[in-house]
PDB file of N, CA and C in Angstrom:
ATOM      1  N   UNK A   1    -141.559 -42.531  89.362  1.00  0.00           N
ATOM      2  CA  UNK A   1    -140.936 -43.529  88.471  1.00  0.00           C
ATOM      3  C   UNK A   1    -140.935 -43.135  87.018  1.00  0.00           C
ATOM      4  N   UNK A   2    -139.846 -43.301  86.441  1.00  0.00           N
ATOM      5  CA  UNK A   2    -139.591 -42.942  85.063  1.00  0.00           C
ATOM      6  C   UNK A   2    -140.053 -44.118  84.202  1.00  0.00           C
ATOM      7  N   UNK A   3    -140.864 -43.803  83.093  1.00  0.00           N
ATOM      8  CA  UNK A   3    -141.255 -44.846  82.211  1.00  0.00           C
ATOM      9  C   UNK A   3    -140.050 -45.404  81.455  1.00  0.00           C
ATOM     10  N   UNK A   4    -140.058 -46.713  81.285  1.00  0.00           N
ATOM     11  CA  UNK A   4    -139.007 -47.413  80.508  1.00  0.00           C
ATOM     12  C   UNK A   4    -139.163 -47.246  79.000  1.00  0.00           C
ATOM     13  N   UNK A   5    -138.008 -47.087  78.357  1.00  0.00           N
ATOM     14  CA  UNK A   5    -138.111 -47.005  76.890  1.00  0.00           C
ATOM     15  C   UNK A   5    -138.394 -48.434  76.342  1.00  0.00           C
ATOM     16  N   UNK A   6    -139.206 -48.474  75.279  1.00  0.00           N
ATOM     17  CA  UNK A   6    -139.503 -49.809  74.709  1.00  0.00           C
ATOM     18  C   UNK A   6    -138.191 -50.385  74.120  1.00  0.00           C
ATOM     19  N   UNK A   7    -138.067 -51.693  74.187  1.00  0.00           N
ATOM     20  CA  UNK A   7    -136.899 -52.452  73.617  1.00  0.00           C
ATOM     21  C   UNK A   7    -137.151 -52.505  72.122  1.00  0.00           C
ATOM     22  N   UNK A   8    -136.213 -52.027  71.411  1.00  0.00           N
ATOM     23  CA  UNK A   8    -136.301 -52.089  69.912  1.00  0.00           C
ATOM     24  C   UNK A   8    -135.278 -53.183  69.475  1.00  0.00           C
ATOM     25  N   UNK A   9    -135.796 -54.281  68.841  1.00  0.00           N
ATOM     26  CA  UNK A   9    -134.845 -55.272  68.370  1.00  0.00           C
ATOM     27  C   UNK A   9    -134.059 -54.786  67.195  1.00  0.00           C
ATOM     28  N   UNK A  10    -132.875 -55.392  67.095  1.00  0.00           N
ATOM     29  CA  UNK A  10    -131.930 -54.975  66.007  1.00  0.00           C
ATOM     30  C   UNK A  10    -132.566 -55.395  64.699  1.00  0.00           C
ATOM     31  N   UNK A  11    -132.337 -54.655  63.667  1.00  0.00           N
ATOM     32  CA  UNK A  11    -132.876 -54.988  62.329  1.00  0.00           C
ATOM     33  C   UNK A  11    -132.127 -56.106  61.701  1.00  0.00           C
ATOM     34  N   UNK A  12    -132.880 -57.083  61.218  1.00  0.00           N
ATOM     35  CA  UNK A  12    -132.394 -58.212  60.542  1.00  0.00           C
ATOM     36  C   UNK A  12    -132.868 -58.317  59.131  1.00  0.00           C
ATOM     37  N   UNK A  13    -131.923 -58.524  58.180  1.00  0.00           N
ATOM     38  CA  UNK A  13    -132.339 -58.594  56.798  1.00  0.00           C
ATOM     39  C   UNK A  13    -132.555 -60.053  56.401  1.00  0.00           C
ATOM     40  N   UNK A  14    -131.877 -60.916  57.090  1.00  0.00           N
ATOM     41  CA  UNK A  14    -131.990 -62.381  56.877  1.00  0.00           C
ATOM     42  C   UNK A  14    -132.649 -63.053  57.991  1.00  0.00           C
ATOM     43  N   UNK A  15    -133.052 -64.229  57.793  1.00  0.00           N
ATOM     44  CA  UNK A  15    -133.557 -65.117  58.914  1.00  0.00           C
ATOM     45  C   UNK A  15    -132.338 -65.578  59.742  1.00  0.00           C
ATOM     46  N   UNK A  16    -132.566 -66.031  60.905  1.00  0.00           N
ATOM     47  CA  UNK A  16    -131.441 -66.582  61.729  1.00  0.00           C
ATOM     48  C   UNK A  16    -130.682 -67.655  60.908  1.00  0.00           C
ATOM     49  N   UNK A  17    -131.408 -68.598  60.283  1.00  0.00           N
ATOM     50  CA  UNK A  17    -130.729 -69.659  59.540  1.00  0.00           C
ATOM     51  C   UNK A  17    -129.984 -69.167  58.399  1.00  0.00           C
ATOM     52  N   UNK A  18    -130.488 -68.203  57.678  1.00  0.00           N
ATOM     53  CA  UNK A  18    -129.747 -67.621  56.574  1.00  0.00           C
ATOM     54  C   UNK A  18    -128.479 -66.941  57.068  1.00  0.00           C
ATOM     55  N   UNK A  19    -128.538 -66.271  58.226  1.00  0.00           N
ATOM     56  CA  UNK A  19    -127.404 -65.619  58.785  1.00  0.00           C
ATOM     57  C   UNK A  19    -126.373 -66.682  59.149  1.00  0.00           C
ATOM     58  N   UNK A  20    -126.786 -67.796  59.763  1.00  0.00           N
ATOM     59  CA  UNK A  20    -125.840 -68.860  60.122  1.00  0.00           C
ATOM     60  C   UNK A  20    -125.163 -69.426  58.879  1.00  0.00           C
ATOM     61  N   UNK A  21    -125.973 -69.671  57.837  1.00  0.00           N
ATOM     62  CA  UNK A  21    -125.389 -70.289  56.661  1.00  0.00           C
ATOM     63  C   UNK A  21    -124.364 -69.322  56.063  1.00  0.00           C
ATOM     64  N   UNK A  22    -124.599 -68.004  56.049  1.00  0.00           N
ATOM     65  CA  UNK A  22    -123.631 -67.051  55.499  1.00  0.00           C
ATOM     66  C   UNK A  22    -122.341 -67.058  56.325  1.00  0.00           C
ATOM     67  N   UNK A  23    -122.461 -67.267  57.650  1.00  0.00           N
ATOM     68  CA  UNK A  23    -121.291 -67.375  58.511  1.00  0.00           C
ATOM     69  C   UNK A  23    -120.523 -68.655  58.164  1.00  0.00           C
ATOM     70  N   UNK A  24    -121.205 -69.765  57.945  1.00  0.00           N
ATOM     71  CA  UNK A  24    -120.601 -71.015  57.633  1.00  0.00           C
ATOM     72  C   UNK A  24    -119.934 -71.046  56.249  1.00  0.00           C
ATOM     73  N   UNK A  25    -120.544 -70.276  55.311  1.00  0.00           N
ATOM     74  CA  UNK A  25    -119.840 -70.148  54.001  1.00  0.00           C
ATOM     75  C   UNK A  25    -118.548 -69.351  53.990  1.00  0.00           C
ATOM     76  N   UNK A  26    -118.545 -68.398  54.946  1.00  0.00           N
ATOM     77  CA  UNK A  26    -117.401 -67.527  55.043  1.00  0.00           C
ATOM     78  C   UNK A  26    -116.142 -68.239  55.708  1.00  0.00           C
ATOM     79  N   UNK A  27    -116.447 -69.041  56.726  1.00  0.00           N
ATOM     80  CA  UNK A  27    -115.342 -69.581  57.551  1.00  0.00           C
ATOM     81  C   UNK A  27    -115.734 -70.852  58.273  1.00  0.00           C
ATOM     82  N   UNK A  28    -114.793 -71.547  58.867  1.00  0.00           N
ATOM     83  CA  UNK A  28    -115.010 -72.747  59.696  1.00  0.00           C
ATOM     84  C   UNK A  28    -115.120 -72.170  61.059  1.00  0.00           C
ATOM     85  N   UNK A  29    -116.231 -72.408  61.727  1.00  0.00           N
ATOM     86  CA  UNK A  29    -116.470 -71.801  63.074  1.00  0.00           C
ATOM     87  C   UNK A  29    -117.102 -72.888  64.076  1.00  0.00           C
ATOM     88  N   UNK A  30    -117.042 -72.511  65.344  1.00  0.00           N
ATOM     89  CA  UNK A  30    -117.654 -73.316  66.404  1.00  0.00           C
ATOM     90  C   UNK A  30    -119.068 -72.748  66.646  1.00  0.00           C
ATOM     91  N   UNK A  31    -119.806 -73.544  67.394  1.00  0.00           N
ATOM     92  CA  UNK A  31    -121.166 -73.078  67.783  1.00  0.00           C
ATOM     93  C   UNK A  31    -121.124 -71.802  68.611  1.00  0.00           C
ATOM     94  N   UNK A  32    -120.036 -71.668  69.429  1.00  0.00           N
ATOM     95  CA  UNK A  32    -119.877 -70.503  70.220  1.00  0.00           C
ATOM     96  C   UNK A  32    -119.639 -69.310  69.356  1.00  0.00           C
ATOM     97  N   UNK A  33    -118.876 -69.393  68.334  1.00  0.00           N
ATOM     98  CA  UNK A  33    -118.654 -68.306  67.389  1.00  0.00           C
ATOM     99  C   UNK A  33    -119.917 -67.885  66.724  1.00  0.00           C
ATOM    100  N   UNK A  34    -120.740 -68.808  66.296  1.00  0.00           N
ATOM    101  CA  UNK A  34    -122.061 -68.520  65.713  1.00  0.00           C
ATOM    102  C   UNK A  34    -122.903 -67.747  66.640  1.00  0.00           C
ATOM    103  N   UNK A  35    -122.962 -68.310  67.944  1.00  0.00           N
ATOM    104  CA  UNK A  35    -123.805 -67.759  69.000  1.00  0.00           C
ATOM    105  C   UNK A  35    -123.440 -66.302  69.230  1.00  0.00           C
ATOM    106  N   UNK A  36    -122.135 -66.011  69.270  1.00  0.00           N
ATOM    107  CA  UNK A  36    -121.731 -64.623  69.577  1.00  0.00           C
ATOM    108  C   UNK A  36    -122.040 -63.714  68.306  1.00  0.00           C
ATOM    109  N   UNK A  37    -121.894 -64.162  67.169  1.00  0.00           N
ATOM    110  CA  UNK A  37    -122.072 -63.356  65.972  1.00  0.00           C
ATOM    111  C   UNK A  37    -123.592 -63.046  65.748  1.00  0.00           C
ATOM    112  N   UNK A  38    -124.462 -64.096  65.898  1.00  0.00           N
ATOM    113  CA  UNK A  38    -125.823 -64.015  65.669  1.00  0.00           C
ATOM    114  C   UNK A  38    -126.609 -63.436  66.850  1.00  0.00           C
ATOM    115  N   UNK A  39    -126.147 -63.743  68.063  1.00  0.00           N
ATOM    116  CA  UNK A  39    -126.748 -63.225  69.269  1.00  0.00           C
ATOM    117  C   UNK A  39    -127.860 -64.093  69.811  1.00  0.00           C
ATOM    118  N   UNK A  40    -127.664 -65.433  69.682  1.00  0.00           N
ATOM    119  CA  UNK A  40    -128.657 -66.361  70.262  1.00  0.00           C
ATOM    120  C   UNK A  40    -127.861 -67.333  71.210  1.00  0.00           C
ATOM    121  N   UNK A  41    -128.528 -68.073  72.086  1.00  0.00           N
ATOM    122  CA  UNK A  41    -127.836 -68.967  72.975  1.00  0.00           C
ATOM    123  C   UNK A  41    -127.184 -70.081  72.170  1.00  0.00           C
ATOM    124  N   UNK A  42    -126.097 -70.645  72.720  1.00  0.00           N
ATOM    125  CA  UNK A  42    -125.352 -71.679  72.078  1.00  0.00           C
ATOM    126  C   UNK A  42    -126.191 -72.946  71.945  1.00  0.00           C
ATOM    127  N   UNK A  43    -127.063 -73.277  72.919  1.00  0.00           N
ATOM    128  CA  UNK A  43    -127.835 -74.519  72.721  1.00  0.00           C
ATOM    129  C   UNK A  43    -128.878 -74.353  71.655  1.00  0.00           C
ATOM    130  N   UNK A  44    -129.296 -73.168  71.271  1.00  0.00           N
ATOM    131  CA  UNK A  44    -130.229 -72.934  70.233  1.00  0.00           C
ATOM    132  C   UNK A  44    -129.567 -73.120  68.885  1.00  0.00           C
ATOM    133  N   UNK A  45    -128.184 -72.902  68.807  1.00  0.00           N
ATOM    134  CA  UNK A  45    -127.461 -72.952  67.570  1.00  0.00           C
ATOM    135  C   UNK A  45    -127.490 -74.400  67.001  1.00  0.00           C
ATOM    136  N   UNK A  46    -127.396 -75.369  67.949  1.00  0.00           N
ATOM    137  CA  UNK A  46    -127.362 -76.797  67.527  1.00  0.00           C
ATOM    138  C   UNK A  46    -128.622 -77.186  66.789  1.00  0.00           C
ATOM    139  N   UNK A  47    -129.805 -76.738  67.256  1.00  0.00           N
ATOM    140  CA  UNK A  47    -131.077 -77.046  66.565  1.00  0.00           C
ATOM    141  C   UNK A  47    -131.105 -76.458  65.138  1.00  0.00           C
ATOM    142  N   UNK A  48    -130.554 -75.238  65.079  1.00  0.00           N
ATOM    143  CA  UNK A  48    -130.553 -74.545  63.769  1.00  0.00           C
ATOM    144  C   UNK A  48    -129.584 -75.352  62.831  1.00  0.00           C
ATOM    145  N   UNK A  49    -128.409 -75.727  63.344  1.00  0.00           N
ATOM    146  CA  UNK A  49    -127.458 -76.440  62.546  1.00  0.00           C
ATOM    147  C   UNK A  49    -128.007 -77.773  61.985  1.00  0.00           C
ATOM    148  N   UNK A  50    -128.840 -78.474  62.878  1.00  0.00           N
ATOM    149  CA  UNK A  50    -129.427 -79.706  62.440  1.00  0.00           C
ATOM    150  C   UNK A  50    -130.360 -79.509  61.283  1.00  0.00           C
ATOM    151  N   UNK A  51    -131.097 -78.425  61.369  1.00  0.00           N
ATOM    152  CA  UNK A  51    -132.093 -78.101  60.312  1.00  0.00           C
ATOM    153  C   UNK A  51    -131.327 -77.660  59.068  1.00  0.00           C
ATOM    154  N   UNK A  52    -130.285 -76.801  59.189  1.00  0.00           N
ATOM    155  CA  UNK A  52    -129.441 -76.395  58.066  1.00  0.00           C
ATOM    156  C   UNK A  52    -128.756 -77.570  57.362  1.00  0.00           C
ATOM    157  N   UNK A  53    -128.337 -78.648  58.124  1.00  0.00           N
ATOM    158  CA  UNK A  53    -127.779 -79.848  57.535  1.00  0.00           C
ATOM    159  C   UNK A  53    -128.723 -80.490  56.547  1.00  0.00           C
ATOM    160  N   UNK A  54    -129.972 -80.571  56.915  1.00  0.00           N
ATOM    161  CA  UNK A  54    -130.916 -81.171  56.046  1.00  0.00           C
ATOM    162  C   UNK A  54    -131.255 -80.331  54.814  1.00  0.00           C
ATOM    163  N   UNK A  55    -131.478 -78.953  55.045  1.00  0.00           N
ATOM    164  CA  UNK A  55    -131.820 -78.116  53.975  1.00  0.00           C
ATOM    165  C   UNK A  55    -130.842 -77.886  52.930  1.00  0.00           C
ATOM    166  N   UNK A  56    -129.489 -77.926  53.352  1.00  0.00           N
ATOM    167  CA  UNK A  56    -128.380 -77.713  52.384  1.00  0.00           C
ATOM    168  C   UNK A  56    -128.272 -78.843  51.416  1.00  0.00           C
ATOM    169  N   UNK A  57    -128.742 -80.008  51.858  1.00  0.00           N
ATOM    170  CA  UNK A  57    -128.678 -81.226  50.975  1.00  0.00           C
ATOM    171  C   UNK A  57    -129.456 -80.982  49.695  1.00  0.00           C
ATOM    172  N   UNK A  58    -130.590 -80.248  49.781  1.00  0.00           N
ATOM    173  CA  UNK A  58    -131.398 -80.015  48.573  1.00  0.00           C
ATOM    174  C   UNK A  58    -130.634 -79.072  47.641  1.00  0.00           C
ATOM    175  N   UNK A  59    -129.780 -78.279  48.109  1.00  0.00           N
ATOM    176  CA  UNK A  59    -129.061 -77.324  47.273  1.00  0.00           C
ATOM    177  C   UNK A  59    -127.732 -77.931  46.695  1.00  0.00           C
ATOM    178  N   UNK A  60    -127.440 -79.166  47.105  1.00  0.00           N
ATOM    179  CA  UNK A  60    -126.229 -79.786  46.595  1.00  0.00           C
ATOM    180  C   UNK A  60    -125.054 -79.357  47.487  1.00  0.00           C
ATOM    181  N   UNK A  61    -125.281 -78.865  48.663  1.00  0.00           N
ATOM    182  CA  UNK A  61    -124.223 -78.421  49.544  1.00  0.00           C
ATOM    183  C   UNK A  61    -124.199 -79.361  50.766  1.00  0.00           C
ATOM    184  N   UNK A  62    -123.182 -79.306  51.614  1.00  0.00           N
ATOM    185  CA  UNK A  62    -123.158 -80.144  52.769  1.00  0.00           C
ATOM    186  C   UNK A  62    -122.619 -79.368  53.992  1.00  0.00           C
ATOM    187  N   UNK A  63    -123.115 -79.662  55.174  1.00  0.00           N
ATOM    188  CA  UNK A  63    -122.577 -79.104  56.384  1.00  0.00           C
ATOM    189  C   UNK A  63    -121.393 -80.003  56.833  1.00  0.00           C
ATOM    190  N   UNK A  64    -120.173 -79.479  56.674  1.00  0.00           N
ATOM    191  CA  UNK A  64    -118.979 -80.233  57.065  1.00  0.00           C
ATOM    192  C   UNK A  64    -118.724 -79.964  58.592  1.00  0.00           C
ATOM    193  N   UNK A  65    -118.463 -81.120  59.275  1.00  0.00           N
ATOM    194  CA  UNK A  65    -118.142 -81.060  60.711  1.00  0.00           C
ATOM    195  C   UNK A  65    -116.752 -81.570  60.970  1.00  0.00           C
ATOM    196  N   UNK A  66    -115.896 -80.660  61.465  1.00  0.00           N
ATOM    197  CA  UNK A  66    -114.585 -81.036  61.889  1.00  0.00           C
ATOM    198  C   UNK A  66    -114.717 -81.554  63.302  1.00  0.00           C
ATOM    199  N   UNK A  67    -114.500 -82.805  63.576  1.00  0.00           N
ATOM    200  CA  UNK A  67    -114.906 -83.402  64.868  1.00  0.00           C
ATOM    201  C   UNK A  67    -114.165 -82.863  66.094  1.00  0.00           C
ATOM    202  N   UNK A  68    -114.759 -83.044  67.236  1.00  0.00           N
ATOM    203  CA  UNK A  68    -114.177 -82.638  68.423  1.00  0.00           C
ATOM    204  C   UNK A  68    -113.010 -83.585  68.791  1.00  0.00           C
ATOM    205  N   UNK A  69    -112.101 -83.078  69.579  1.00  0.00           N
ATOM    206  CA  UNK A  69    -110.943 -83.882  70.022  1.00  0.00           C
ATOM    207  C   UNK A  69    -110.618 -83.761  71.474  1.00  0.00           C
ATOM    208  N   UNK A  70    -110.312 -84.846  72.086  1.00  0.00           N
ATOM    209  CA  UNK A  70    -109.945 -84.787  73.519  1.00  0.00           C
ATOM    210  C   UNK A  70    -108.607 -84.133  73.641  1.00  0.00           C
ATOM    211  N   UNK A  71    -108.471 -83.155  74.500  1.00  0.00           N
ATOM    212  CA  UNK A  71    -107.234 -82.418  74.709  1.00  0.00           C
ATOM    213  C   UNK A  71    -106.247 -83.271  75.588  1.00  0.00           C
ATOM    214  N   UNK A  72    -106.764 -84.275  76.375  1.00  0.00           N
ATOM    215  CA  UNK A  72    -105.941 -85.054  77.216  1.00  0.00           C
ATOM    216  C   UNK A  72    -105.176 -86.172  76.431  1.00  0.00           C
ATOM    217  N   UNK A  73    -105.927 -86.973  75.687  1.00  0.00           N
ATOM    218  CA  UNK A  73    -105.272 -88.147  75.034  1.00  0.00           C
ATOM    219  C   UNK A  73    -105.256 -87.952  73.468  1.00  0.00           C
ATOM    220  N   UNK A  74    -105.949 -87.006  72.892  1.00  0.00           N
ATOM    221  CA  UNK A  74    -105.942 -86.790  71.485  1.00  0.00           C
ATOM    222  C   UNK A  74    -106.950 -87.587  70.716  1.00  0.00           C
ATOM    223  N   UNK A  75    -107.880 -88.264  71.457  1.00  0.00           N
ATOM    224  CA  UNK A  75    -108.954 -89.078  70.759  1.00  0.00           C
ATOM    225  C   UNK A  75    -109.815 -88.131  69.929  1.00  0.00           C
ATOM    226  N   UNK A  76    -110.129 -88.485  68.652  1.00  0.00           N
ATOM    227  CA  UNK A  76    -110.959 -87.752  67.727  1.00  0.00           C
ATOM    228  C   UNK A  76    -112.262 -88.442  67.645  1.00  0.00           C
ATOM    229  N   UNK A  77    -113.387 -87.726  67.823  1.00  0.00           N
ATOM    230  CA  UNK A  77    -114.727 -88.205  67.723  1.00  0.00           C
ATOM    231  C   UNK A  77    -115.219 -88.271  66.235  1.00  0.00           C
ATOM    232  N   UNK A  78    -114.586 -89.114  65.450  1.00  0.00           N
ATOM    233  CA  UNK A  78    -114.891 -89.158  64.022  1.00  0.00           C
ATOM    234  C   UNK A  78    -116.327 -89.658  63.732  1.00  0.00           C
ATOM    235  N   UNK A  79    -116.696 -90.732  64.321  1.00  0.00           N
ATOM    236  CA  UNK A  79    -117.950 -91.414  64.021  1.00  0.00           C
ATOM    237  C   UNK A  79    -119.138 -90.840  64.675  1.00  0.00           C
ATOM    238  N   UNK A  80    -119.051 -89.686  65.207  1.00  0.00           N
ATOM    239  CA  UNK A  80    -120.192 -89.053  65.975  1.00  0.00           C
ATOM    240  C   UNK A  80    -121.108 -88.332  65.034  1.00  0.00           C
ATOM    241  N   UNK A  81    -122.449 -88.628  65.190  1.00  0.00           N
ATOM    242  CA  UNK A  81    -123.473 -88.063  64.307  1.00  0.00           C
ATOM    243  C   UNK A  81    -124.028 -86.773  64.910  1.00  0.00           C
ATOM    244  N   UNK A  82    -124.017 -86.678  66.222  1.00  0.00           N
ATOM    245  CA  UNK A  82    -124.592 -85.538  66.945  1.00  0.00           C
ATOM    246  C   UNK A  82    -123.642 -84.341  66.758  1.00  0.00           C
ATOM    247  N   UNK A  83    -124.267 -83.158  66.619  1.00  0.00           N
ATOM    248  CA  UNK A  83    -123.525 -81.944  66.405  1.00  0.00           C
ATOM    249  C   UNK A  83    -122.914 -81.288  67.679  1.00  0.00           C
ATOM    250  N   UNK A  84    -123.461 -81.614  68.791  1.00  0.00           N
ATOM    251  CA  UNK A  84    -123.045 -81.056  70.099  1.00  0.00           C
ATOM    252  C   UNK A  84    -121.660 -81.592  70.491  1.00  0.00           C
ATOM    253  N   UNK A  85    -120.999 -80.875  71.336  1.00  0.00           N
ATOM    254  CA  UNK A  85    -119.668 -81.363  71.859  1.00  0.00           C
ATOM    255  C   UNK A  85    -119.892 -82.480  72.806  1.00  0.00           C
ATOM    256  N   UNK A  86    -119.119 -83.522  72.699  1.00  0.00           N
ATOM    257  CA  UNK A  86    -119.301 -84.660  73.654  1.00  0.00           C
ATOM    258  C   UNK A  86    -118.950 -84.204  75.058  1.00  0.00           C
ATOM    259  N   UNK A  87    -119.531 -84.912  76.077  1.00  0.00           N
ATOM    260  CA  UNK A  87    -119.287 -84.537  77.434  1.00  0.00           C
ATOM    261  C   UNK A  87    -117.991 -85.135  78.032  1.00  0.00           C
ATOM    262  N   UNK A  88    -117.611 -86.323  77.559  1.00  0.00           N
ATOM    263  CA  UNK A  88    -116.468 -86.999  78.159  1.00  0.00           C
ATOM    264  C   UNK A  88    -115.864 -87.920  77.133  1.00  0.00           C
ATOM    265  N   UNK A  89    -114.474 -88.047  77.205  1.00  0.00           N
ATOM    266  CA  UNK A  89    -113.711 -88.862  76.333  1.00  0.00           C
ATOM    267  C   UNK A  89    -113.949 -90.406  76.749  1.00  0.00           C
ATOM    268  N   UNK A  90    -114.209 -91.280  75.786  1.00  0.00           N
ATOM    269  CA  UNK A  90    -114.431 -92.679  76.131  1.00  0.00           C
ATOM    270  C   UNK A  90    -113.139 -93.391  76.436  1.00  0.00           C
ATOM    271  N   UNK A  91    -112.031 -92.784  76.129  1.00  0.00           N
ATOM    272  CA  UNK A  91    -110.674 -93.462  76.369  1.00  0.00           C
ATOM    273  C   UNK A  91    -110.099 -93.116  77.775  1.00  0.00           C
ATOM    274  N   UNK A  92    -109.923 -91.781  77.963  1.00  0.00           N
ATOM    275  CA  UNK A  92    -109.307 -91.348  79.217  1.00  0.00           C
ATOM    276  C   UNK A  92    -110.286 -90.783  80.188  1.00  0.00           C
ATOM    277  N   UNK A  93    -111.532 -90.686  79.815  1.00  0.00           N
ATOM    278  CA  UNK A  93    -112.591 -90.173  80.675  1.00  0.00           C
ATOM    279  C   UNK A  93    -112.455 -88.680  80.986  1.00  0.00           C
ATOM    280  N   UNK A  94    -111.585 -87.997  80.200  1.00  0.00           N
ATOM    281  CA  UNK A  94    -111.308 -86.556  80.411  1.00  0.00           C
ATOM    282  C   UNK A  94    -112.454 -85.743  79.902  1.00  0.00           C
ATOM    283  N   UNK A  95    -112.682 -84.619  80.521  1.00  0.00           N
ATOM    284  CA  UNK A  95    -113.789 -83.682  80.054  1.00  0.00           C
ATOM    285  C   UNK A  95    -113.245 -82.443  79.363  1.00  0.00           C
ATOM    286  N   UNK A  96    -111.995 -82.406  79.109  1.00  0.00           N
ATOM    287  CA  UNK A  96    -111.394 -81.244  78.325  1.00  0.00           C
ATOM    288  C   UNK A  96    -111.398 -81.706  76.839  1.00  0.00           C
ATOM    289  N   UNK A  97    -112.511 -81.303  76.175  1.00  0.00           N
ATOM    290  CA  UNK A  97    -112.725 -81.660  74.806  1.00  0.00           C
ATOM    291  C   UNK A  97    -112.919 -80.367  74.003  1.00  0.00           C
ATOM    292  N   UNK A  98    -112.234 -80.320  72.818  1.00  0.00           N
ATOM    293  CA  UNK A  98    -112.356 -79.125  71.995  1.00  0.00           C
ATOM    294  C   UNK A  98    -113.783 -79.120  71.316  1.00  0.00           C
ATOM    295  N   UNK A  99    -114.183 -77.905  70.893  1.00  0.00           N
ATOM    296  CA  UNK A  99    -115.516 -77.727  70.286  1.00  0.00           C
ATOM    297  C   UNK A  99    -115.339 -78.247  68.861  1.00  0.00           C
ATOM    298  N   UNK A 100    -116.411 -78.929  68.298  1.00  0.00           N
ATOM    299  CA  UNK A 100    -116.341 -79.269  66.869  1.00  0.00           C
ATOM    300  C   UNK A 100    -116.565 -77.973  66.111  1.00  0.00           C
ATOM    301  N   UNK A 101    -116.041 -78.005  64.855  1.00  0.00           N
ATOM    302  CA  UNK A 101    -116.103 -76.834  63.999  1.00  0.00           C
ATOM    303  C   UNK A 101    -116.906 -77.122  62.730  1.00  0.00           C
ATOM    304  N   UNK A 102    -117.629 -76.104  62.255  1.00  0.00           N
ATOM    305  CA  UNK A 102    -118.618 -76.397  61.150  1.00  0.00           C
ATOM    306  C   UNK A 102    -118.294 -75.441  59.961  1.00  0.00           C
ATOM    307  N   UNK A 103    -118.655 -75.885  58.780  1.00  0.00           N
ATOM    308  CA  UNK A 103    -118.536 -75.083  57.572  1.00  0.00           C
ATOM    309  C   UNK A 103    -119.493 -75.658  56.533  1.00  0.00           C
ATOM    310  N   UNK A 104    -119.670 -74.874  55.463  1.00  0.00           N
ATOM    311  CA  UNK A 104    -120.460 -75.358  54.321  1.00  0.00           C
ATOM    312  C   UNK A 104    -119.569 -75.654  53.192  1.00  0.00           C
ATOM    313  N   UNK A 105    -119.699 -76.839  52.596  1.00  0.00           N
ATOM    314  CA  UNK A 105    -118.869 -77.189  51.430  1.00  0.00           C
ATOM    315  C   UNK A 105    -119.758 -77.755  50.338  1.00  0.00           C
ATOM    316  N   UNK A 106    -119.118 -77.861  49.130  1.00  0.00           N
ATOM    317  CA  UNK A 106    -119.784 -78.494  48.048  1.00  0.00           C
ATOM    318  C   UNK A 106    -120.226 -77.439  47.043  1.00  0.00           C
ATOM    319  N   UNK A 107    -120.531 -77.915  45.795  1.00  0.00           N
ATOM    320  CA  UNK A 107    -120.856 -76.981  44.715  1.00  0.00           C
ATOM    321  C   UNK A 107    -122.377 -77.081  44.471  1.00  0.00           C
ATOM    322  N   UNK A 108    -122.978 -76.008  44.120  1.00  0.00           N
ATOM    323  CA  UNK A 108    -124.411 -76.057  43.858  1.00  0.00           C
ATOM    324  C   UNK A 108    -124.648 -76.780  42.580  1.00  0.00           C
ATOM    325  N   UNK A 109    -125.796 -77.505  42.538  1.00  0.00           N
ATOM    326  CA  UNK A 109    -126.171 -78.181  41.277  1.00  0.00           C
ATOM    327  C   UNK A 109    -126.797 -77.150  40.349  1.00  0.00           C
ATOM    328  N   UNK A 110    -126.646 -77.390  39.052  1.00  0.00           N
ATOM    329  CA  UNK A 110    -127.241 -76.422  38.115  1.00  0.00           C
ATOM    330  C   UNK A 110    -128.162 -77.162  37.155  1.00  0.00           C
TER     331      UNK A 110
END
């Protein structure tokens, strides 16, 4: 048997959340986009986004959420507080729903 080489993690200069914030400052993205770029599971991204939403408030910034939309009837989930994609449309009961998109907006306080 050949000994396995030890797994060496990729070098990170920022924390996960700092990396996510830098992505959100650059562009409007989905949780899937963040997951692919950072290299963590999509369901972990939502927990980090929730924390980022609260911590950005102290800096005078805001996490902007472009709401999910039903592809069947066009219903937009405007009043939704949760960051995850809804499972089903309340109007047509369709499950084909676009991913919500996230970005950072606002000016820093001085």
